[in-house]
C-alpha atoms as a PDB file:
ATOM      1  CA  MET A   1     -29.107   0.145 -14.780  1.00  0.00           C
ATOM      2  CA  ILE A   2     -28.350  -1.234 -11.359  1.00  0.00           C
ATOM      3  CA  ASN A   3     -28.340  -4.982 -10.796  1.00  0.00           C
ATOM      4  CA  CYS A   4     -28.600  -6.276  -7.241  1.00  0.00           C
ATOM      5  CA  ASP A   5     -29.100  -9.988  -7.815  1.00  0.00           C
ATOM      6  CA  THR A   6     -26.145 -10.856  -5.581  1.00  0.00           C
ATOM      7  CA  ILE A   7     -25.784  -8.835  -2.415  1.00  0.00           C
ATOM      8  CA  VAL A   8     -22.707  -9.281  -0.245  1.00  0.00           C
ATOM      9  CA  THR A   9     -22.169  -7.697   3.140  1.00  0.00           C
ATOM     10  CA  VAL A  10     -18.721  -6.517   4.155  1.00  0.00           C
ATOM     11  CA  PRO A  11     -17.703  -5.818   7.750  1.00  0.00           C
ATOM     12  CA  LYS A  12     -17.357  -2.077   8.273  1.00  0.00           C
ATOM     13  CA  ASN A  13     -13.791  -2.451   9.582  1.00  0.00           C
ATOM     14  CA  GLN A  14     -12.708  -3.869   6.196  1.00  0.00           C
ATOM     15  CA  LEU A  15     -13.708  -0.712   4.326  1.00  0.00           C
ATOM     16  CA  ALA A  16     -11.299   2.085   3.501  1.00  0.00           C
ATOM     17  CA  GLU A  17     -11.392   4.995   5.931  1.00  0.00           C
ATOM     18  CA  SER A  18     -12.072   7.503   3.176  1.00  0.00           C
ATOM     19  CA  SER A  19     -14.685   7.106   0.476  1.00  0.00           C
ATOM     20  CA  VAL A  20     -13.661   6.927  -3.168  1.00  0.00           C
ATOM     21  CA  GLY A  21     -16.797   8.636  -4.423  1.00  0.00           C
ATOM     22  CA  GLN A  22     -20.489   9.106  -3.938  1.00  0.00           C
ATOM     23  CA  LEU A  23     -23.694   8.538  -5.836  1.00  0.00           C
ATOM     24  CA  ASP A  24     -25.813  11.423  -7.050  1.00  0.00           C
ATOM     25  CA  ALA A  25     -29.431  11.658  -5.847  1.00  0.00           C
ATOM     26  CA  PRO A  26     -31.078   9.963  -8.884  1.00  0.00           C
ATOM     27  CA  THR A  27     -28.617   7.050  -8.744  1.00  0.00           C
ATOM     28  CA  THR A  28     -29.130   6.676  -4.990  1.00  0.00           C
ATOM     29  CA  ILE A  29     -32.889   6.408  -5.596  1.00  0.00           C
ATOM     30  CA  GLN A  30     -32.320   3.778  -8.306  1.00  0.00           C
ATOM     31  CA  LEU A  31     -30.056   1.793  -5.981  1.00  0.00           C
ATOM     32  CA  ASP A  32     -32.609   1.988  -3.169  1.00  0.00           C
ATOM     33  CA  LYS A  33     -35.354   0.695  -5.488  1.00  0.00           C
ATOM     34  CA  ALA A  34     -33.135  -2.112  -6.780  1.00  0.00           C
ATOM     35  CA  LEU A  35     -32.155  -3.198  -3.260  1.00  0.00           C
ATOM     36  CA  ARG A  36     -35.791  -3.148  -2.098  1.00  0.00           C
ATOM     37  CA  TYR A  37     -36.817  -5.215  -5.125  1.00  0.00           C
ATOM     38  CA  ALA A  38     -33.975  -7.710  -4.669  1.00  0.00           C
ATOM     39  CA  GLN A  39     -34.863  -8.168  -0.994  1.00  0.00           C
ATOM     40  CA  GLY A  40     -38.613  -8.344  -1.613  1.00  0.00           C
ATOM     41  CA  ILE A  41     -39.284  -5.213   0.435  1.00  0.00           C
ATOM     42  CA  ARG A  42     -42.600  -3.607  -0.526  1.00  0.00           C
ATOM     43  CA  TRP A  43     -43.449  -0.001   0.324  1.00  0.00           C
END
């Protein structure tokens, strides 16, 4: 379950230069759906 009720943006220059991991394809799809729902984006 992914919960996106509170979304915070972070300036890109405050992120680490290397990533600590990545999401698999099914989780990326779930995150995309959750973000669209949280932002009221219909498609």
